[in-house]
Amino acid sequence: MNRTSWAFVTVLTTMSGCGQDPAFTERAWQDQVSTESEGERGGRPGGDDTDGDGMPDKVKKFAFGRSVKPVDADYLFVLDNSVSMVKYSQRVANGLAAIPKDAFPESSKLAVMTTMVASDPMATNLVAHPDINRTDYACIDKEPGFLELVNSDGLSRFRSCSGVRSDHLTKYAIEPCKNQWFTPFEQNANGQRCFSAAIQNPFSPVGCEAGLLALEQMLKRKGQTPLFRSNAAVNVIFVSDEQEGCKAAETRGEFSSASKLVQMIKTNSSTASVKFHGIVPTSVSQGIRRYADEITATGGVGIPMDQERADYRDVIQKIIESKVEQISSQFDLGEIATEILSVEVAGQKTTDFDFDGKRIVKVHNLDPAKPTQIVIRFN
């Protein structure tokens, strides 16, 4: 029997400073990494007409299973830029540096943005959200990572801002790389890690850390310009010591659900999969949403907040391993469908699937250890 309501994603978040929910224990949810590949498309002369409407069916074929060549892996770190995050961001950098080079999937790319949100994400000249503390920080609107991926061009704009504070400039001791997306061990011209440069920040008392909203605003601002690589396995990694922390914005209903964010990413970039992971505070403060809820909803890797960790290599390793070992059973038709006519697994029809009413079909009870072909006919 078909089920029609479902959604899942993944996010990495590094956080501390709140009490721990005893129900939230260390765990790694199944990673959803689609290895789909488009095959023939129907709707051409001579195609089958299984529903008798006088028009040939449209057909998409997908390869499924662990023997399929891995897709590219994109890892976006969404960094809390508040003053309390200095030591935690460095622990993330230390953890990443401790991961062996061969642990990452081939063609892996990393990027960094901050949790800063805008008053209007579509404005030509971005202005920080009214919930953000602007006291003694005239150039906060030009801070690298504000609804953009950190690179050398962003730091140049910050340096040229009229009234920029010298103590803020000194926080950027490493020159960021030119590329917004870089390999895990890529270096700048001085032989310093691109990732270590990208997570530098003034870390000021912003008073509003909203990673999920920042991601949504980034996607809106991008419009049709892809944020991620097409057909990539996307891992969004939130690094924060607070919950989605803008109470006024929360009251105004400015936050989206994980399922909406996943669909926005897929629409923007045609990705193979999307995942949220996290090292997160597990208590709820003043009714503010829990990152842990989003991780649970999307099937991500979640680790309870731990202030005593020297680094977060174990978390990063689990995220990498989840990317490699699991396969997604959701398939993107690449266009809007009005009806799913049939789904075949290894030549056998099945009714055990969900359709989101648009373009995504999720087939249940597939075994990743058994490579097979999925054929979907639709109108």
Protein backbone atom coordinates (compact mmCIF):
# COMPACT_ATOMS: atom_id res chain seq x y z
CA MET A 1 0.00 0.00 0.00
CA ASN A 2 1.40 3.39 -0.99
CA ARG A 3 2.17 5.93 1.71
CA THR A 4 2.17 9.58 0.67
CA SER A 5 3.69 11.50 3.55
CA TRP A 6 7.44 11.29 4.16
CA ALA A 7 10.65 13.28 4.27
CA PHE A 8 14.22 12.89 5.46
CA VAL A 9 17.56 14.86 5.57
CA THR A 10 20.99 15.15 7.39
CA VAL A 11 23.00 18.01 9.30
CA LEU A 12 26.27 18.34 11.30
CA THR A 13 26.12 20.78 14.21
CA THR A 14 28.70 21.38 16.93
CA MET A 15 27.18 22.85 20.04
CA SER A 16 27.42 23.20 23.83
CA GLY A 17 26.19 25.17 26.80
CA CYS A 18 22.81 23.57 27.48
CA GLY A 19 21.58 20.70 29.60
CA GLN A 20 21.45 17.27 27.99
CA ASP A 21 18.24 15.50 27.25
CA PRO A 22 18.69 11.96 28.66
CA ALA A 23 16.58 10.60 25.81
CA PHE A 24 19.07 11.91 23.26
CA THR A 25 21.99 9.50 23.28
CA GLU A 26 24.86 9.03 20.85
CA ARG A 27 23.60 7.52 17.67
CA ALA A 28 24.15 7.40 13.94
CA TRP A 29 21.05 7.35 11.80
CA GLN A 30 21.15 5.72 8.39
CA ASP A 31 22.67 8.01 5.82
CA GLN A 32 20.63 8.43 2.66
CA VAL A 33 23.02 8.58 -0.29
CA SER A 34 21.28 8.18 -3.62
CA THR A 35 23.26 6.61 -6.42
CA GLU A 36 20.62 7.20 -9.04
CA SER A 37 21.52 7.52 -12.71
CA GLU A 38 19.00 8.57 -15.30
CA GLY A 39 18.37 6.13 -18.08
CA GLU A 40 15.96 6.26 -20.97
CA ARG A 41 13.07 8.63 -20.84
CA GLY A 42 9.73 7.57 -22.26
CA GLY A 43 7.21 9.79 -23.94
CA ARG A 44 8.77 9.12 -27.36
CA PRO A 45 7.15 7.52 -30.41
CA GLY A 46 6.74 3.79 -29.94
CA GLY A 47 6.74 3.87 -26.11
CA ASP A 48 4.29 1.85 -23.99
CA ASP A 49 0.91 3.30 -23.09
CA THR A 50 0.09 1.35 -19.93
CA ASP A 51 -2.74 3.62 -18.77
CA GLY A 52 -4.48 3.80 -22.16
CA ASP A 53 -4.56 7.59 -22.39
CA GLY A 54 -3.23 7.58 -25.95
CA MET A 55 0.14 8.99 -24.90
CA PRO A 56 3.35 6.95 -24.40
CA ASP A 57 4.43 6.65 -20.77
CA LYS A 58 7.45 8.50 -19.45
CA VAL A 59 10.11 6.16 -18.06
CA LYS A 60 13.09 6.73 -15.76
CA LYS A 61 15.60 4.01 -14.90
CA PHE A 62 17.85 4.14 -11.85
CA ALA A 63 20.80 2.01 -10.75
CA PHE A 64 20.60 1.13 -7.04
CA GLY A 65 23.10 -0.59 -4.76
CA ARG A 66 26.59 -0.33 -3.31
CA SER A 67 28.30 -1.46 -6.50
CA VAL A 68 27.19 1.75 -8.20
CA LYS A 69 29.96 4.34 -8.59
CA PRO A 70 29.76 6.78 -5.62
CA VAL A 71 28.41 10.25 -6.25
CA ASP A 72 30.31 13.41 -5.32
CA ALA A 73 30.09 14.45 -1.66
CA ASP A 74 29.57 18.09 -0.63
CA TYR A 75 30.02 19.09 3.03
CA LEU A 76 28.68 22.53 3.98
CA PHE A 77 29.63 23.73 7.48
CA VAL A 78 27.23 26.33 8.90
CA LEU A 79 29.29 28.02 11.61
CA ASP A 80 27.84 29.84 14.61
CA ASN A 81 29.72 33.17 14.65
CA SER A 82 28.86 34.18 18.21
CA VAL A 83 31.51 35.07 20.77
CA SER A 84 31.22 31.79 22.70
CA MET A 85 32.18 29.68 19.67
CA VAL A 86 35.94 30.35 19.44
CA LYS A 87 37.14 27.15 21.11
CA TYR A 88 34.50 24.95 19.55
CA SER A 89 35.24 26.03 16.00
CA GLN A 90 38.91 25.27 16.55
CA ARG A 91 38.02 21.80 17.83
CA VAL A 92 36.15 21.15 14.60
CA ALA A 93 39.21 22.24 12.61
CA ASN A 94 41.43 19.98 14.73
CA GLY A 95 39.07 17.06 14.21
CA LEU A 96 39.00 17.50 10.46
CA ALA A 97 42.80 17.71 10.34
CA ALA A 98 43.04 14.40 12.21
CA ILE A 99 40.96 12.50 9.62
CA PRO A 100 43.10 10.45 7.18
CA LYS A 101 43.05 11.78 3.63
CA ASP A 102 41.80 8.51 2.19
CA ALA A 103 38.78 8.51 4.56
CA PHE A 104 36.87 11.03 2.46
CA PRO A 105 34.94 9.86 -0.59
CA GLU A 106 36.51 10.76 -3.90
CA SER A 107 35.64 14.22 -5.23
CA SER A 108 34.70 15.51 -1.76
CA LYS A 109 34.32 19.28 -1.41
CA LEU A 110 33.97 21.48 1.69
CA ALA A 111 32.59 25.01 2.20
CA VAL A 112 31.77 27.28 5.15
CA MET A 113 29.08 29.88 5.83
CA THR A 114 27.90 31.43 9.12
CA THR A 115 24.60 31.38 10.99
CA MET A 116 24.10 35.13 10.36
CA VAL A 117 20.68 35.96 8.92
CA ALA A 118 19.49 38.99 6.96
CA SER A 119 16.57 41.34 7.27
CA ASP A 120 15.88 40.77 3.57
CA PRO A 121 17.89 37.98 1.91
CA MET A 122 16.98 39.26 -1.57
CA ALA A 123 18.36 42.78 -1.03
CA THR A 124 21.26 43.85 -3.24
CA ASN A 125 23.13 45.11 -0.18
CA LEU A 126 22.53 42.70 2.68
CA VAL A 127 21.65 44.07 6.10
CA ALA A 128 21.82 41.92 9.22
CA HIS A 129 18.54 40.71 10.74
CA PRO A 130 17.03 43.09 13.36
CA ASP A 131 17.48 40.42 16.04
CA ILE A 132 21.28 40.64 15.61
CA ASN A 133 23.32 42.81 17.98
CA ARG A 134 25.04 45.53 15.92
CA THR A 135 26.57 47.38 18.89
CA ASP A 136 30.12 48.61 18.10
CA TYR A 137 30.19 46.53 14.91
CA ALA A 138 29.63 48.81 11.92
CA CYS A 139 30.84 46.26 9.36
CA ILE A 140 28.83 43.24 10.50
CA ASP A 141 26.91 43.32 7.20
CA LYS A 142 30.19 42.66 5.32
CA GLU A 143 31.39 39.79 7.50
CA PRO A 144 32.68 36.80 5.46
CA GLY A 145 30.17 33.94 5.40
CA PHE A 146 27.08 36.16 5.76
CA LEU A 147 24.74 34.42 3.28
CA GLU A 148 27.77 33.54 1.18
CA LEU A 149 30.49 30.91 1.21
CA VAL A 150 33.74 32.11 2.79
CA ASN A 151 36.62 32.83 0.40
CA SER A 152 39.34 35.43 -0.21
CA ASP A 153 36.97 37.76 -2.10
CA GLY A 154 34.64 37.93 0.90
CA LEU A 155 37.50 38.83 3.23
CA SER A 156 38.67 41.54 0.80
CA ARG A 157 35.23 43.17 0.96
CA PHE A 158 35.31 43.02 4.76
CA ARG A 159 38.78 44.59 4.88
CA SER A 160 37.66 47.46 2.63
CA CYS A 161 34.57 48.24 4.73
CA SER A 162 34.64 51.77 6.12
CA GLY A 163 34.99 51.64 9.89
CA VAL A 164 36.13 48.01 10.11
CA ARG A 165 37.69 47.30 13.50
CA SER A 166 41.37 46.44 13.64
CA ASP A 167 40.77 43.79 16.32
CA HIS A 168 38.32 42.08 13.97
CA LEU A 169 40.82 42.10 11.12
CA THR A 170 43.45 40.43 13.29
CA LYS A 171 41.14 37.45 13.69
CA TYR A 172 41.84 36.57 10.03
CA ALA A 173 45.46 35.46 10.41
CA ILE A 174 45.17 32.91 7.55
CA GLU A 175 44.34 34.09 4.04
CA PRO A 176 41.24 32.23 2.79
CA CYS A 177 41.42 30.32 -0.48
CA LYS A 178 40.03 31.74 -3.71
CA ASN A 179 37.63 28.87 -4.25
CA GLN A 180 34.42 28.81 -2.21
CA TRP A 181 34.37 25.00 -2.44
CA PHE A 182 37.67 23.23 -1.74
CA THR A 183 38.95 19.71 -1.12
CA PRO A 184 39.31 18.55 2.52
CA PHE A 185 43.09 19.04 2.54
CA GLU A 186 43.45 21.87 0.02
CA GLN A 187 45.86 24.67 0.97
CA ASN A 188 46.26 28.36 0.16
CA ALA A 189 49.34 29.84 -1.51
CA ASN A 190 51.11 29.90 1.88
CA GLY A 191 50.58 26.19 2.50
CA GLN A 192 47.79 26.70 5.08
CA ARG A 193 44.56 24.71 5.12
CA CYS A 194 41.61 26.28 3.30
CA PHE A 195 39.25 24.92 5.95
CA SER A 196 41.24 26.46 8.82
CA ALA A 197 41.09 29.80 7.01
CA ALA A 198 37.37 29.53 6.26
CA ILE A 199 36.29 29.05 9.88
CA GLN A 200 38.07 32.22 11.08
CA ASN A 201 35.67 34.87 12.35
CA PRO A 202 35.54 37.89 14.71
CA PHE A 203 33.13 35.85 16.87
CA SER A 204 31.19 38.83 18.24
CA PRO A 205 28.16 38.86 20.61
CA VAL A 206 25.64 38.69 17.77
CA GLY A 207 22.76 37.47 19.96
CA CYS A 208 21.12 35.59 17.10
CA GLU A 209 22.44 32.26 15.79
CA ALA A 210 20.00 30.79 13.28
CA GLY A 211 21.70 28.21 11.09
CA LEU A 212 18.56 26.70 9.57
CA LEU A 213 17.15 30.10 8.68
CA ALA A 214 20.55 31.19 7.29
CA LEU A 215 20.60 28.14 5.02
CA GLU A 216 17.07 28.88 3.81
CA GLN A 217 17.97 32.51 3.11
CA MET A 218 21.11 31.45 1.24
CA LEU A 219 19.03 29.18 -1.01
CA LYS A 220 16.48 31.94 -1.66
CA ARG A 221 19.28 34.33 -2.53
CA LYS A 222 20.88 31.80 -4.87
CA GLY A 223 17.65 31.36 -6.82
CA GLN A 224 18.44 29.18 -9.84
CA THR A 225 22.21 29.34 -9.26
CA PRO A 226 23.18 25.94 -7.75
CA LEU A 227 24.70 26.00 -4.28
CA PHE A 228 25.82 22.37 -4.50
CA ARG A 229 27.02 20.11 -7.30
CA SER A 230 24.42 18.33 -9.37
CA ASN A 231 23.80 14.75 -8.18
CA ALA A 232 26.03 15.28 -5.13
CA ALA A 233 25.42 13.68 -1.74
CA VAL A 234 24.95 16.82 0.36
CA ASN A 235 25.86 16.96 4.06
CA VAL A 236 24.95 20.20 5.86
CA ILE A 237 26.99 20.59 9.03
CA PHE A 238 25.80 23.10 11.65
CA VAL A 239 28.42 24.18 14.21
CA SER A 240 26.81 26.02 17.14
CA ASP A 241 26.60 26.10 20.93
CA GLU A 242 22.97 27.28 20.89
CA GLN A 243 19.64 26.15 19.54
CA GLU A 244 18.19 28.02 16.55
CA GLY A 245 18.63 31.13 18.64
CA CYS A 246 16.52 34.07 17.44
CA LYS A 247 13.43 34.11 19.61
CA ALA A 248 11.84 37.11 17.87
CA ALA A 249 12.33 35.53 14.46
CA GLU A 250 10.92 32.26 15.76
CA THR A 251 7.80 34.06 16.94
CA ARG A 252 7.32 35.61 13.51
CA GLY A 253 7.40 32.16 11.95
CA GLU A 254 10.50 32.76 9.86
CA PHE A 255 11.88 29.23 10.18
CA SER A 256 11.25 26.35 7.79
CA SER A 257 11.04 22.64 8.50
CA ALA A 258 13.81 20.25 7.54
CA SER A 259 11.62 18.70 4.84
CA LYS A 260 11.12 22.10 3.19
CA LEU A 261 14.85 22.83 3.31
CA VAL A 262 15.63 19.47 1.71
CA GLN A 263 13.22 20.17 -1.13
CA MET A 264 14.68 23.66 -1.59
CA ILE A 265 18.18 22.16 -1.88
CA LYS A 266 17.05 19.53 -4.36
CA THR A 267 15.19 22.11 -6.45
CA ASN A 268 18.18 24.47 -6.42
CA SER A 269 20.92 21.92 -7.10
CA SER A 270 19.32 18.62 -8.27
CA THR A 271 21.27 16.76 -5.60
CA ALA A 272 21.30 12.99 -5.11
CA SER A 273 20.61 13.29 -1.37
CA VAL A 274 20.59 15.78 1.51
CA LYS A 275 21.54 15.13 5.13
CA PHE A 276 21.76 17.15 8.35
CA HIS A 277 24.17 16.03 11.11
CA GLY A 278 24.96 17.43 14.52
CA ILE A 279 26.77 17.78 17.80
CA VAL A 280 23.95 19.61 19.47
CA PRO A 281 22.48 20.96 22.67
CA THR A 282 19.52 18.78 23.48
CA SER A 283 17.50 20.96 25.84
CA VAL A 284 14.85 23.42 24.70
CA SER A 285 15.41 27.05 25.69
CA GLN A 286 12.40 29.39 25.75
CA GLY A 287 10.54 27.24 23.28
CA ILE A 288 13.18 27.62 20.57
CA ARG A 289 13.29 24.73 18.11
CA ARG A 290 15.68 21.84 18.68
CA TYR A 291 18.36 21.00 16.14
CA ALA A 292 18.06 17.44 17.42
CA ASP A 293 14.49 17.31 16.10
CA GLU A 294 15.69 18.16 12.62
CA ILE A 295 18.45 15.54 12.76
CA THR A 296 16.00 12.89 13.86
CA ALA A 297 13.55 13.90 11.15
CA THR A 298 16.17 13.65 8.42
CA GLY A 299 18.06 10.54 9.50
CA GLY A 300 21.35 12.29 10.26
CA VAL A 301 24.31 11.54 12.50
CA GLY A 302 23.74 13.05 15.94
CA ILE A 303 26.10 13.34 18.93
CA PRO A 304 25.03 14.98 22.21
CA MET A 305 26.92 18.14 23.13
CA ASP A 306 30.22 17.41 24.93
CA GLN A 307 32.27 20.33 26.22
CA GLU A 308 35.29 18.20 27.10
CA ARG A 309 36.12 16.86 23.63
CA ALA A 310 39.56 17.91 22.40
CA ASP A 311 38.26 17.71 18.86
CA TYR A 312 35.35 16.28 16.88
CA ARG A 313 37.13 13.77 14.72
CA ASP A 314 34.78 10.96 15.83
CA VAL A 315 31.74 12.92 14.66
CA ILE A 316 33.30 13.83 11.33
CA GLN A 317 34.42 10.23 10.83
CA LYS A 318 30.88 8.96 11.42
CA ILE A 319 29.47 11.41 8.92
CA ILE A 320 32.02 10.34 6.32
CA GLU A 321 31.35 6.65 6.98
CA SER A 322 27.59 7.13 6.79
CA LYS A 323 28.03 8.74 3.38
CA VAL A 324 29.99 5.75 2.09
CA GLU A 325 28.10 2.85 3.58
CA GLN A 326 24.44 3.59 3.03
CA ILE A 327 22.34 4.03 -0.08
CA SER A 328 19.20 6.09 -0.56
CA SER A 329 15.96 4.61 -1.80
CA GLN A 330 14.50 7.92 -2.97
CA PHE A 331 14.57 8.72 -6.68
CA ASP A 332 14.16 12.09 -8.36
CA LEU A 333 12.22 11.95 -11.64
CA GLY A 334 13.76 15.23 -12.72
CA GLU A 335 10.39 16.74 -13.64
CA ILE A 336 6.91 17.15 -12.19
CA ALA A 337 4.77 13.99 -12.48
CA THR A 338 1.00 13.87 -12.20
CA GLU A 339 0.77 10.12 -11.60
CA ILE A 340 3.07 7.17 -10.91
CA LEU A 341 1.90 4.37 -13.21
CA SER A 342 4.22 1.65 -11.97
CA VAL A 343 7.46 0.94 -10.11
CA GLU A 344 9.58 -2.11 -10.93
CA VAL A 345 12.42 -3.54 -8.86
CA ALA A 346 14.60 -6.00 -10.77
CA GLY A 347 11.79 -6.47 -13.29
CA GLN A 348 9.10 -7.08 -10.66
CA LYS A 349 6.33 -4.55 -9.99
CA THR A 350 5.97 -3.27 -6.42
CA THR A 351 3.35 -1.12 -4.70
CA ASP A 352 5.57 -0.48 -1.68
CA PHE A 353 6.57 3.08 -2.52
CA ASP A 354 5.73 6.70 -1.68
CA PHE A 355 5.23 9.57 -4.09
CA ASP A 356 5.45 13.18 -2.88
CA GLY A 357 3.01 14.37 -5.52
CA LYS A 358 5.71 16.18 -7.46
CA ARG A 359 8.91 14.45 -8.56
CA ILE A 360 10.29 12.29 -5.72
CA VAL A 361 9.53 8.56 -5.38
CA LYS A 362 10.76 6.59 -2.36
CA VAL A 363 10.85 2.81 -2.73
CA HIS A 364 10.77 0.76 0.47
CA ASN A 365 12.50 -2.47 1.50
CA LEU A 366 15.42 -2.24 -0.92
CA ASP A 367 18.63 -4.04 0.05
CA PRO A 368 21.74 -1.89 -0.69
CA ALA A 369 23.84 -5.08 -0.70
CA LYS A 370 21.95 -6.28 -3.78
CA PRO A 371 22.52 -3.97 -6.76
CA THR A 372 19.45 -3.72 -8.94
CA GLN A 373 17.58 -1.54 -11.41
CA ILE A 374 14.54 0.58 -10.54
CA VAL A 375 12.17 1.45 -13.40
CA ILE A 376 9.52 4.11 -12.79
CA ARG A 377 6.75 4.82 -15.31
CA PHE A 378 4.76 8.01 -14.92
CA ASN A 379 2.70 10.72 -16.54
